Structure formats: C-alpha cells, structure tokens
Amino acid sequence: MRKAKTVIVTGASRGIGRATAILFASKGYHVLFNYNQSGIEAYQTCERLKKKGKAVVAFKADITKRKQTNLMVERCVKQFGSVDILINNAGVAQQMSQILLFIVMSLQI
C-alpha cells in the first residue's frame, strides 16, 4: 500500500488556501494547513475535514517568524513523517517564502 503524501498549505484558513487544503485532503493527502489570525475559520475547516476522516492539522504560525515556521514544519514531520509538497499561499514577502522553502528542504534528507 502506498504511503499518503503530505502537504503544507500556508495561509489556508479561508479563501484559495482553504480550498487548496480541502482539495488535497479530498485526494487523500495528509494536510497541515497554516493560519495566523483566522483561528475560528481554521478550527471549522479542520473539524469539517476530520469528521470526514481526513488526516489534517491546523497550525497557528506567523511564517515571517523563523522560529514559528520551524515549529510548524517540525510538527508536520512529527505528525505525518515528511513534507512532500509546499503550497506557499500566505501573503508575505518573497524573502519569507524563501525562508520557509529552505526550512522544508533542509528536512528532506
């Protein structure tokens, strides 16, 4: 049996990010989706997907903060074993997106 792939979707408590997280979960991916301020929406999305039997985690982090981003990626690896796909949807400066990508790639040994 094939191991499910894992995706991190940033900025995913609402809008396009939320739709992306739901789509990946519906296709059988393990999903860690990130939110920063929209906690109620993130909780609702997470509970909705869990009720459907999906492996999903909502994680609060400001991805412009390296320590919070590290904790988010570490949680994903601890929960699901890997990060296979990164959807960088959060509206942050390009430099911060590159930091997140570097952190994810550094864990792929």
PDB file of N, CA and C in Angstrom:
ATOM      1  N   MET A   1       0.832  -1.182   0.000  1.00  0.00           N
ATOM      2  CA  MET A   1       0.000   0.000   0.000  1.00  0.00           C
ATOM      3  C   MET A   1       0.883   1.254   0.000  1.00  0.00           C
ATOM      4  N   ARG A   2       0.531   2.209  -0.790  1.00  0.00           N
ATOM      5  CA  ARG A   2       1.286   3.451  -0.952  1.00  0.00           C
ATOM      6  C   ARG A   2       1.062   4.365   0.239  1.00  0.00           C
ATOM      7  N   LYS A   3       2.165   4.932   0.770  1.00  0.00           N
ATOM      8  CA  LYS A   3       2.081   5.880   1.871  1.00  0.00           C
ATOM      9  C   LYS A   3       1.486   7.193   1.356  1.00  0.00           C
ATOM     10  N   ALA A   4       0.576   7.752   2.126  1.00  0.00           N
ATOM     11  CA  ALA A   4      -0.031   9.032   1.743  1.00  0.00           C
ATOM     12  C   ALA A   4       1.028  10.122   1.746  1.00  0.00           C
ATOM     13  N   LYS A   5       0.958  10.992   0.783  1.00  0.00           N
ATOM     14  CA  LYS A   5       1.857  12.147   0.727  1.00  0.00           C
ATOM     15  C   LYS A   5       1.328  13.239   1.646  1.00  0.00           C
ATOM     16  N   THR A   6       2.230  14.137   2.020  1.00  0.00           N
ATOM     17  CA  THR A   6       1.895  15.204   2.951  1.00  0.00           C
ATOM     18  C   THR A   6       2.124  16.563   2.295  1.00  0.00           C
ATOM     19  N   VAL A   7       1.195  17.481   2.554  1.00  0.00           N
ATOM     20  CA  VAL A   7       1.290  18.825   2.015  1.00  0.00           C
ATOM     21  C   VAL A   7       1.131  19.843   3.139  1.00  0.00           C
ATOM     22  N   ILE A   8       1.936  20.906   3.087  1.00  0.00           N
ATOM     23  CA  ILE A   8       1.737  22.082   3.938  1.00  0.00           C
ATOM     24  C   ILE A   8       1.154  23.162   3.049  1.00  0.00           C
ATOM     25  N   VAL A   9       0.058  23.761   3.496  1.00  0.00           N
ATOM     26  CA  VAL A   9      -0.553  24.881   2.782  1.00  0.00           C
ATOM     27  C   VAL A   9      -0.542  26.075   3.737  1.00  0.00           C
ATOM     28  N   THR A  10       0.182  27.128   3.371  1.00  0.00           N
ATOM     29  CA  THR A  10       0.207  28.314   4.225  1.00  0.00           C
ATOM     30  C   THR A  10      -0.955  29.232   3.856  1.00  0.00           C
ATOM     31  N   GLY A  11      -1.379  30.016   4.833  1.00  0.00           N
ATOM     32  CA  GLY A  11      -2.478  30.953   4.598  1.00  0.00           C
ATOM     33  C   GLY A  11      -3.748  30.245   4.180  1.00  0.00           C
ATOM     34  N   ALA A  12      -4.106  29.186   4.902  1.00  0.00           N
ATOM     35  CA  ALA A  12      -5.162  28.298   4.422  1.00  0.00           C
ATOM     36  C   ALA A  12      -6.416  28.263   5.283  1.00  0.00           C
ATOM     37  N   SER A  13      -6.653  29.266   6.102  1.00  0.00           N
ATOM     38  CA  SER A  13      -7.866  29.237   6.919  1.00  0.00           C
ATOM     39  C   SER A  13      -9.095  29.699   6.143  1.00  0.00           C
ATOM     40  N   ARG A  14      -8.870  30.366   5.009  1.00  0.00           N
ATOM     41  CA  ARG A  14     -10.003  30.838   4.205  1.00  0.00           C
ATOM     42  C   ARG A  14      -9.553  31.056   2.766  1.00  0.00           C
ATOM     43  N   GLY A  15     -10.490  31.310   1.907  1.00  0.00           N
ATOM     44  CA  GLY A  15     -10.198  31.640   0.517  1.00  0.00           C
ATOM     45  C   GLY A  15      -9.530  30.527  -0.269  1.00  0.00           C
ATOM     46  N   ILE A  16      -8.617  30.938  -1.140  1.00  0.00           N
ATOM     47  CA  ILE A  16      -7.930  29.991  -2.029  1.00  0.00           C
ATOM     48  C   ILE A  16      -7.125  28.969  -1.233  1.00  0.00           C
ATOM     49  N   GLY A  17      -6.469  29.403  -0.163  1.00  0.00           N
ATOM     50  CA  GLY A  17      -5.691  28.472   0.655  1.00  0.00           C
ATOM     51  C   GLY A  17      -6.560  27.394   1.275  1.00  0.00           C
ATOM     52  N   ARG A  18      -7.703  27.796   1.781  1.00  0.00           N
ATOM     53  CA  ARG A  18      -8.642  26.831   2.366  1.00  0.00           C
ATOM     54  C   ARG A  18      -9.121  25.838   1.314  1.00  0.00           C
ATOM     55  N   ALA A  19      -9.488  26.354   0.152  1.00  0.00           N
ATOM     56  CA  ALA A  19      -9.942  25.476  -0.933  1.00  0.00           C
ATOM     57  C   ALA A  19      -8.841  24.500  -1.349  1.00  0.00           C
ATOM     58  N   THR A  20      -7.603  24.971  -1.347  1.00  0.00           N
ATOM     59  CA  THR A  20      -6.470  24.114  -1.702  1.00  0.00           C
ATOM     60  C   THR A  20      -6.284  23.008  -0.663  1.00  0.00           C
ATOM     61  N   ALA A  21      -6.349  23.364   0.612  1.00  0.00           N
ATOM     62  CA  ALA A  21      -6.210  22.365   1.678  1.00  0.00           C
ATOM     63  C   ALA A  21      -7.320  21.319   1.588  1.00  0.00           C
ATOM     64  N   ILE A  22      -8.542  21.755   1.352  1.00  0.00           N
ATOM     65  CA  ILE A  22      -9.682  20.834   1.233  1.00  0.00           C
ATOM     66  C   ILE A  22      -9.490  19.912   0.030  1.00  0.00           C
ATOM     67  N   LEU A  23      -9.028  20.460  -1.077  1.00  0.00           N
ATOM     68  CA  LEU A  23      -8.810  19.650  -2.280  1.00  0.00           C
ATOM     69  C   LEU A  23      -7.773  18.567  -2.024  1.00  0.00           C
ATOM     70  N   PHE A  24      -6.633  18.936  -1.447  1.00  0.00           N
ATOM     71  CA  PHE A  24      -5.600  17.935  -1.175  1.00  0.00           C
ATOM     72  C   PHE A  24      -6.104  16.874  -0.198  1.00  0.00           C
ATOM     73  N   ALA A  25      -6.822  17.278   0.840  1.00  0.00           N
ATOM     74  CA  ALA A  25      -7.371  16.308   1.791  1.00  0.00           C
ATOM     75  C   ALA A  25      -8.343  15.361   1.094  1.00  0.00           C
ATOM     76  N   SER A  26      -9.160  15.892   0.200  1.00  0.00           N
ATOM     77  CA  SER A  26     -10.139  15.048  -0.508  1.00  0.00           C
ATOM     78  C   SER A  26      -9.459  14.049  -1.435  1.00  0.00           C
ATOM     79  N   LYS A  27      -8.226  14.337  -1.826  1.00  0.00           N
ATOM     80  CA  LYS A  27      -7.459  13.434  -2.698  1.00  0.00           C
ATOM     81  C   LYS A  27      -6.603  12.459  -1.897  1.00  0.00           C
ATOM     82  N   GLY A  28      -6.747  12.475  -0.564  1.00  0.00           N
ATOM     83  CA  GLY A  28      -6.058  11.505   0.276  1.00  0.00           C
ATOM     84  C   GLY A  28      -4.726  11.954   0.856  1.00  0.00           C
ATOM     85  N   TYR A  29      -4.371  13.199   0.658  1.00  0.00           N
ATOM     86  CA  TYR A  29      -3.128  13.712   1.238  1.00  0.00           C
ATOM     87  C   TYR A  29      -3.315  14.001   2.718  1.00  0.00           C
ATOM     88  N   HIS A  30      -2.223  13.857   3.474  1.00  0.00           N
ATOM     89  CA  HIS A  30      -2.181  14.392   4.826  1.00  0.00           C
ATOM     90  C   HIS A  30      -1.937  15.885   4.672  1.00  0.00           C
ATOM     91  N   VAL A  31      -2.659  16.700   5.433  1.00  0.00           N
ATOM     92  CA  VAL A  31      -2.576  18.150   5.245  1.00  0.00           C
ATOM     93  C   VAL A  31      -2.288  18.844   6.573  1.00  0.00           C
ATOM     94  N   LEU A  32      -1.242  19.665   6.572  1.00  0.00           N
ATOM     95  CA  LEU A  32      -1.042  20.635   7.646  1.00  0.00           C
ATOM     96  C   LEU A  32      -1.283  21.981   7.002  1.00  0.00           C
ATOM     97  N   PHE A  33      -2.312  22.667   7.496  1.00  0.00           N
ATOM     98  CA  PHE A  33      -2.541  23.996   6.947  1.00  0.00           C
ATOM     99  C   PHE A  33      -2.308  25.042   8.005  1.00  0.00           C
ATOM    100  N   ASN A  34      -1.740  26.121   7.540  1.00  0.00           N
ATOM    101  CA  ASN A  34      -1.292  27.200   8.400  1.00  0.00           C
ATOM    102  C   ASN A  34      -2.289  28.346   8.392  1.00  0.00           C
ATOM    103  N   TYR A  35      -2.419  28.961   9.551  1.00  0.00           N
ATOM    104  CA  TYR A  35      -3.178  30.208   9.680  1.00  0.00           C
ATOM    105  C   TYR A  35      -2.435  31.091  10.659  1.00  0.00           C
ATOM    106  N   ASN A  36      -2.733  32.373  10.620  1.00  0.00           N
ATOM    107  CA  ASN A  36      -2.095  33.285  11.560  1.00  0.00           C
ATOM    108  C   ASN A  36      -3.142  34.008  12.396  1.00  0.00           C
ATOM    109  N   GLN A  37      -4.189  34.529  11.773  1.00  0.00           N
ATOM    110  CA  GLN A  37      -5.165  35.324  12.501  1.00  0.00           C
ATOM    111  C   GLN A  37      -6.575  34.751  12.468  1.00  0.00           C
ATOM    112  N   SER A  38      -6.893  33.925  11.526  1.00  0.00           N
ATOM    113  CA  SER A  38      -8.269  33.447  11.342  1.00  0.00           C
ATOM    114  C   SER A  38      -8.491  32.113  12.037  1.00  0.00           C
ATOM    115  N   GLY A  39      -8.355  32.127  13.360  1.00  0.00           N
ATOM    116  CA  GLY A  39      -8.437  30.889  14.136  1.00  0.00           C
ATOM    117  C   GLY A  39      -9.777  30.192  14.068  1.00  0.00           C
ATOM    118  N   ILE A  40     -10.864  30.938  14.095  1.00  0.00           N
ATOM    119  CA  ILE A  40     -12.193  30.320  14.055  1.00  0.00           C
ATOM    120  C   ILE A  40     -12.393  29.588  12.742  1.00  0.00           C
ATOM    121  N   GLU A  41     -12.049  30.242  11.639  1.00  0.00           N
ATOM    122  CA  GLU A  41     -12.184  29.609  10.328  1.00  0.00           C
ATOM    123  C   GLU A  41     -11.289  28.383  10.216  1.00  0.00           C
ATOM    124  N   ALA A  42     -10.078  28.473  10.736  1.00  0.00           N
ATOM    125  CA  ALA A  42      -9.152  27.336  10.695  1.00  0.00           C
ATOM    126  C   ALA A  42      -9.715  26.156  11.488  1.00  0.00           C
ATOM    127  N   TYR A  43     -10.232  26.427  12.676  1.00  0.00           N
ATOM    128  CA  TYR A  43     -10.812  25.373  13.507  1.00  0.00           C
ATOM    129  C   TYR A  43     -11.994  24.710  12.789  1.00  0.00           C
ATOM    130  N   GLN A  44     -12.858  25.518  12.198  1.00  0.00           N
ATOM    131  CA  GLN A  44     -14.027  24.978  11.492  1.00  0.00           C
ATOM    132  C   GLN A  44     -13.616  24.097  10.319  1.00  0.00           C
ATOM    133  N   THR A  45     -12.635  24.542   9.564  1.00  0.00           N
ATOM    134  CA  THR A  45     -12.153  23.757   8.426  1.00  0.00           C
ATOM    135  C   THR A  45     -11.543  22.452   8.901  1.00  0.00           C
ATOM    136  N   CYS A  46     -10.735  22.523   9.935  1.00  0.00           N
ATOM    137  CA  CYS A  46     -10.077  21.333  10.476  1.00  0.00           C
ATOM    138  C   CYS A  46     -11.114  20.317  10.961  1.00  0.00           C
ATOM    139  N   GLU A  47     -12.086  20.770  11.726  1.00  0.00           N
ATOM    140  CA  GLU A  47     -13.112  19.867  12.248  1.00  0.00           C
ATOM    141  C   GLU A  47     -13.952  19.259  11.128  1.00  0.00           C
ATOM    142  N   ARG A  48     -14.275  20.059  10.140  1.00  0.00           N
ATOM    143  CA  ARG A  48     -15.055  19.561   8.996  1.00  0.00           C
ATOM    144  C   ARG A  48     -14.323  18.425   8.290  1.00  0.00           C
ATOM    145  N   LEU A  49     -13.020  18.594   8.084  1.00  0.00           N
ATOM    146  CA  LEU A  49     -12.246  17.566   7.403  1.00  0.00           C
ATOM    147  C   LEU A  49     -12.025  16.340   8.288  1.00  0.00           C
ATOM    148  N   LYS A  50     -11.804  16.553   9.570  1.00  0.00           N
ATOM    149  CA  LYS A  50     -11.618  15.419  10.481  1.00  0.00           C
ATOM    150  C   LYS A  50     -12.881  14.559  10.557  1.00  0.00           C
ATOM    151  N   LYS A  51     -14.055  15.188  10.531  1.00  0.00           N
ATOM    152  CA  LYS A  51     -15.312  14.434  10.554  1.00  0.00           C
ATOM    153  C   LYS A  51     -15.453  13.543   9.324  1.00  0.00           C
ATOM    154  N   LYS A  52     -14.787  13.915   8.249  1.00  0.00           N
ATOM    155  CA  LYS A  52     -14.792  13.110   7.024  1.00  0.00           C
ATOM    156  C   LYS A  52     -13.653  12.090   7.022  1.00  0.00           C
ATOM    157  N   GLY A  53     -12.941  11.990   8.158  1.00  0.00           N
ATOM    158  CA  GLY A  53     -11.876  11.009   8.282  1.00  0.00           C
ATOM    159  C   GLY A  53     -10.557  11.426   7.664  1.00  0.00           C
ATOM    160  N   LYS A  54     -10.366  12.702   7.446  1.00  0.00           N
ATOM    161  CA  LYS A  54      -9.134  13.178   6.810  1.00  0.00           C
ATOM    162  C   LYS A  54      -8.057  13.459   7.851  1.00  0.00           C
ATOM    163  N   ALA A  55      -6.803  13.210   7.464  1.00  0.00           N
ATOM    164  CA  ALA A  55      -5.656  13.482   8.329  1.00  0.00           C
ATOM    165  C   ALA A  55      -5.249  14.932   8.111  1.00  0.00           C
ATOM    166  N   VAL A  56      -5.621  15.787   9.052  1.00  0.00           N
ATOM    167  CA  VAL A  56      -5.406  17.223   8.878  1.00  0.00           C
ATOM    168  C   VAL A  56      -5.036  17.865  10.208  1.00  0.00           C
ATOM    169  N   VAL A  57      -4.146  18.859  10.129  1.00  0.00           N
ATOM    170  CA  VAL A  57      -3.739  19.627  11.292  1.00  0.00           C
ATOM    171  C   VAL A  57      -3.790  21.099  10.914  1.00  0.00           C
ATOM    172  N   ALA A  58      -4.397  21.907  11.772  1.00  0.00           N
ATOM    173  CA  ALA A  58      -4.342  23.361  11.617  1.00  0.00           C
ATOM    174  C   ALA A  58      -3.257  23.862  12.572  1.00  0.00           C
ATOM    175  N   PHE A  59      -2.370  24.704  12.066  1.00  0.00           N
ATOM    176  CA  PHE A  59      -1.240  25.155  12.873  1.00  0.00           C
ATOM    177  C   PHE A  59      -1.131  26.667  12.797  1.00  0.00           C
ATOM    178  N   LYS A  60      -1.204  27.324  13.947  1.00  0.00           N
ATOM    179  CA  LYS A  60      -1.077  28.783  14.012  1.00  0.00           C
ATOM    180  C   LYS A  60       0.393  29.168  14.002  1.00  0.00           C
ATOM    181  N   ALA A  61       0.768  29.965  13.023  1.00  0.00           N
ATOM    182  CA  ALA A  61       2.149  30.445  12.937  1.00  0.00           C
ATOM    183  C   ALA A  61       2.210  31.667  12.039  1.00  0.00           C
ATOM    184  N   ASP A  62       3.046  32.597  12.434  1.00  0.00           N
ATOM    185  CA  ASP A  62       3.380  33.735  11.587  1.00  0.00           C
ATOM    186  C   ASP A  62       4.604  33.301  10.798  1.00  0.00           C
ATOM    187  N   ILE A  63       4.437  33.010   9.522  1.00  0.00           N
ATOM    188  CA  ILE A  63       5.557  32.443   8.768  1.00  0.00           C
ATOM    189  C   ILE A  63       6.642  33.464   8.449  1.00  0.00           C
ATOM    190  N   THR A  64       6.467  34.695   8.883  1.00  0.00           N
ATOM    191  CA  THR A  64       7.575  35.651   8.784  1.00  0.00           C
ATOM    192  C   THR A  64       8.528  35.504   9.967  1.00  0.00           C
ATOM    193  N   LYS A  65       8.160  34.656  10.920  1.00  0.00           N
ATOM    194  CA  LYS A  65       8.988  34.389  12.105  1.00  0.00           C
ATOM    195  C   LYS A  65       9.610  33.006  11.967  1.00  0.00           C
ATOM    196  N   ARG A  66      10.920  32.978  11.849  1.00  0.00           N
ATOM    197  CA  ARG A  66      11.627  31.716  11.597  1.00  0.00           C
ATOM    198  C   ARG A  66      11.324  30.653  12.654  1.00  0.00           C
ATOM    199  N   LYS A  67      11.309  31.023  13.925  1.00  0.00           N
ATOM    200  CA  LYS A  67      11.076  30.041  14.985  1.00  0.00           C
ATOM    201  C   LYS A  67       9.684  29.402  14.845  1.00  0.00           C
ATOM    202  N   GLN A  68       8.682  30.216  14.581  1.00  0.00           N
ATOM    203  CA  GLN A  68       7.315  29.682  14.407  1.00  0.00           C
ATOM    204  C   GLN A  68       7.236  28.779  13.179  1.00  0.00           C
ATOM    205  N   THR A  69       7.932  29.177  12.122  1.00  0.00           N
ATOM    206  CA  THR A  69       7.934  28.375  10.900  1.00  0.00           C
ATOM    207  C   THR A  69       8.631  27.045  11.137  1.00  0.00           C
ATOM    208  N   ASN A  70       9.745  27.077  11.846  1.00  0.00           N
ATOM    209  CA  ASN A  70      10.431  25.821  12.196  1.00  0.00           C
ATOM    210  C   ASN A  70       9.514  24.894  12.977  1.00  0.00           C
ATOM    211  N   LEU A  71       8.813  25.434  13.968  1.00  0.00           N
ATOM    212  CA  LEU A  71       7.902  24.619  14.774  1.00  0.00           C
ATOM    213  C   LEU A  71       6.792  24.012  13.913  1.00  0.00           C
ATOM    214  N   MET A  72       6.294  24.777  12.961  1.00  0.00           N
ATOM    215  CA  MET A  72       5.238  24.287  12.081  1.00  0.00           C
ATOM    216  C   MET A  72       5.730  23.103  11.243  1.00  0.00           C
ATOM    217  N   VAL A  73       6.903  23.250  10.652  1.00  0.00           N
ATOM    218  CA  VAL A  73       7.446  22.179   9.819  1.00  0.00           C
ATOM    219  C   VAL A  73       7.775  20.959  10.678  1.00  0.00           C
ATOM    220  N   GLU A  74       8.351  21.179  11.848  1.00  0.00           N
ATOM    221  CA  GLU A  74       8.652  20.070  12.754  1.00  0.00           C
ATOM    222  C   GLU A  74       7.380  19.320  13.142  1.00  0.00           C
ATOM    223  N   ARG A  75       6.297  20.050  13.405  1.00  0.00           N
ATOM    224  CA  ARG A  75       5.020  19.403  13.751  1.00  0.00           C
ATOM    225  C   ARG A  75       4.528  18.535  12.608  1.00  0.00           C
ATOM    226  N   CYS A  76       4.664  19.041  11.397  1.00  0.00           N
ATOM    227  CA  CYS A  76       4.226  18.278  10.228  1.00  0.00           C
ATOM    228  C   CYS A  76       5.015  16.977  10.102  1.00  0.00           C
ATOM    229  N   VAL A  77       6.324  17.069  10.242  1.00  0.00           N
ATOM    230  CA  VAL A  77       7.166  15.875  10.135  1.00  0.00           C
ATOM    231  C   VAL A  77       6.866  14.905  11.268  1.00  0.00           C
ATOM    232  N   LYS A  78       6.678  15.413  12.478  1.00  0.00           N
ATOM    233  CA  LYS A  78       6.361  14.545  13.610  1.00  0.00           C
ATOM    234  C   LYS A  78       5.010  13.854  13.414  1.00  0.00           C
ATOM    235  N   GLN A  79       4.024  14.590  12.933  1.00  0.00           N
ATOM    236  CA  GLN A  79       2.669  14.060  12.766  1.00  0.00           C
ATOM    237  C   GLN A  79       2.570  13.092  11.594  1.00  0.00           C
ATOM    238  N   PHE A  80       3.183  13.463  10.461  1.00  0.00           N
ATOM    239  CA  PHE A  80       2.958  12.719   9.223  1.00  0.00           C
ATOM    240  C   PHE A  80       4.207  12.056   8.643  1.00  0.00           C
ATOM    241  N   GLY A  81       5.386  12.369   9.174  1.00  0.00           N
ATOM    242  CA  GLY A  81       6.606  11.703   8.725  1.00  0.00           C
ATOM    243  C   GLY A  81       7.401  12.420   7.651  1.00  0.00           C
ATOM    244  N   SER A  82       6.794  13.376   6.952  1.00  0.00           N
ATOM    245  CA  SER A  82       7.515  14.068   5.882  1.00  0.00           C
ATOM    246  C   SER A  82       6.733  15.311   5.452  1.00  0.00           C
ATOM    247  N   VAL A  83       7.383  16.099   4.618  1.00  0.00           N
ATOM    248  CA  VAL A  83       6.719  17.169   3.881  1.00  0.00           C
ATOM    249  C   VAL A  83       7.032  16.901   2.422  1.00  0.00           C
ATOM    250  N   ASP A  84       6.020  16.550   1.646  1.00  0.00           N
ATOM    251  CA  ASP A  84       6.232  16.224   0.241  1.00  0.00           C
ATOM    252  C   ASP A  84       5.945  17.405  -0.681  1.00  0.00           C
ATOM    253  N   ILE A  85       4.996  18.243  -0.276  1.00  0.00           N
ATOM    254  CA  ILE A  85       4.583  19.370  -1.113  1.00  0.00           C
ATOM    255  C   ILE A  85       4.405  20.591  -0.216  1.00  0.00           C
ATOM    256  N   LEU A  86       4.829  21.741  -0.721  1.00  0.00           N
ATOM    257  CA  LEU A  86       4.620  23.007  -0.030  1.00  0.00           C
ATOM    258  C   LEU A  86       3.836  23.928  -0.952  1.00  0.00           C
ATOM    259  N   ILE A  87       2.668  24.379  -0.493  1.00  0.00           N
ATOM    260  CA  ILE A  87       1.873  25.371  -1.207  1.00  0.00           C
ATOM    261  C   ILE A  87       2.007  26.659  -0.405  1.00  0.00           C
ATOM    262  N   ASN A  88       2.768  27.598  -0.920  1.00  0.00           N
ATOM    263  CA  ASN A  88       3.066  28.828  -0.209  1.00  0.00           C
ATOM    264  C   ASN A  88       2.030  29.886  -0.594  1.00  0.00           C
ATOM    265  N   ASN A  89       0.882  29.855   0.051  1.00  0.00           N
ATOM    266  CA  ASN A  89      -0.243  30.714  -0.276  1.00  0.00           C
ATOM    267  C   ASN A  89      -0.315  31.984   0.570  1.00  0.00           C
ATOM    268  N   ALA A  90       0.343  31.996   1.718  1.00  0.00           N
ATOM    269  CA  ALA A  90       0.257  33.150   2.615  1.00  0.00           C
ATOM    270  C   ALA A  90       0.808  34.393   1.939  1.00  0.00           C
ATOM    271  N   GLY A  91       0.155  35.515   2.175  1.00  0.00           N
ATOM    272  CA  GLY A  91       0.569  36.767   1.567  1.00  0.00           C
ATOM    273  C   GLY A  91       1.706  37.409   2.333  1.00  0.00           C
ATOM    274  N   VAL A  92       2.927  36.962   2.064  1.00  0.00           N
ATOM    275  CA  VAL A  92       4.113  37.524   2.720  1.00  0.00           C
ATOM    276  C   VAL A  92       5.152  37.854   1.661  1.00  0.00           C
ATOM    277  N   ALA A  93       6.158  38.596   2.075  1.00  0.00           N
ATOM    278  CA  ALA A  93       7.226  38.985   1.158  1.00  0.00           C
ATOM    279  C   ALA A  93       7.962  37.761   0.638  1.00  0.00           C
ATOM    280  N   GLN A  94       8.514  37.885  -0.543  1.00  0.00           N
ATOM    281  CA  GLN A  94       9.223  36.781  -1.187  1.00  0.00           C
ATOM    282  C   GLN A  94      10.335  36.227  -0.303  1.00  0.00           C
ATOM    283  N   GLN A  95      11.045  37.082   0.425  1.00  0.00           N
ATOM    284  CA  GLN A  95      12.138  36.617   1.278  1.00  0.00           C
ATOM    285  C   GLN A  95      11.621  35.629   2.322  1.00  0.00           C
ATOM    286  N   MET A  96      10.468  35.895   2.915  1.00  0.00           N
ATOM    287  CA  MET A  96       9.920  34.991   3.925  1.00  0.00           C
ATOM    288  C   MET A  96       9.509  33.660   3.291  1.00  0.00           C
ATOM    289  N   SER A  97       8.981  33.704   2.093  1.00  0.00           N
ATOM    290  CA  SER A  97       8.623  32.477   1.391  1.00  0.00           C
ATOM    291  C   SER A  97       9.857  31.629   1.145  1.00  0.00           C
ATOM    292  N   GLN A  98      10.973  32.265   0.816  1.00  0.00           N
ATOM    293  CA  GLN A  98      12.207  31.537   0.583  1.00  0.00           C
ATOM    294  C   GLN A  98      12.725  30.914   1.870  1.00  0.00           C
ATOM    295  N   ILE A  99      12.549  31.583   2.995  1.00  0.00           N
ATOM    296  CA  ILE A  99      12.953  31.019   4.286  1.00  0.00           C
ATOM    297  C   ILE A  99      12.167  29.750   4.568  1.00  0.00           C
ATOM    298  N   LEU A 100      10.852  29.787   4.359  1.00  0.00           N
ATOM    299  CA  LEU A 100      10.028  28.603   4.593  1.00  0.00           C
ATOM    300  C   LEU A 100      10.449  27.468   3.675  1.00  0.00           C
ATOM    301  N   LEU A 101      10.667  27.753   2.415  1.00  0.00           N
ATOM    302  CA  LEU A 101      11.093  26.727   1.477  1.00  0.00           C
ATOM    303  C   LEU A 101      12.430  26.119   1.897  1.00  0.00           C
ATOM    304  N   PHE A 102      13.364  26.953   2.350  1.00  0.00           N
ATOM    305  CA  PHE A 102      14.655  26.458   2.817  1.00  0.00           C
ATOM    306  C   PHE A 102      14.483  25.528   4.007  1.00  0.00           C
ATOM    307  N   ILE A 103      13.630  25.892   4.949  1.00  0.00           N
ATOM    308  CA  ILE A 103      13.405  25.058   6.133  1.00  0.00           C
ATOM    309  C   ILE A 103      12.838  23.700   5.745  1.00  0.00           C
ATOM    310  N   VAL A 104      11.865  23.700   4.862  1.00  0.00           N
ATOM    311  CA  VAL A 104      11.271  22.436   4.406  1.00  0.00           C
ATOM    312  C   VAL A 104      12.304  21.595   3.680  1.00  0.00           C
ATOM    313  N   MET A 105      13.048  22.214   2.787  1.00  0.00           N
ATOM    314  CA  MET A 105      14.045  21.462   2.009  1.00  0.00           C
ATOM    315  C   MET A 105      15.161  20.917   2.895  1.00  0.00           C
ATOM    316  N   SER A 106      15.525  21.623   3.954  1.00  0.00           N
ATOM    317  CA  SER A 106      16.597  21.160   4.822  1.00  0.00           C
ATOM    318  C   SER A 106      16.197  19.905   5.583  1.00  0.00           C
ATOM    319  N   LEU A 107      14.909  19.649   5.720  1.00  0.00           N
ATOM    320  CA  LEU A 107      14.460  18.429   6.403  1.00  0.00           C
ATOM    321  C   LEU A 107      14.409  17.225   5.485  1.00  0.00           C
ATOM    322  N   GLN A 108      14.499  17.435   4.191  1.00  0.00           N
ATOM    323  CA  GLN A 108      14.405  16.344   3.221  1.00  0.00           C
ATOM    324  C   GLN A 108      15.767  15.693   3.048  1.00  0.00           C
ATOM    325  N   ILE A 109      16.084  14.795   3.934  1.00  0.00           N
ATOM    326  CA  ILE A 109      17.403  14.126   3.912  1.00  0.00           C
ATOM    327  C   ILE A 109      17.280  12.787   3.250  1.00  0.00           C
TER     328      ILE A 109
END
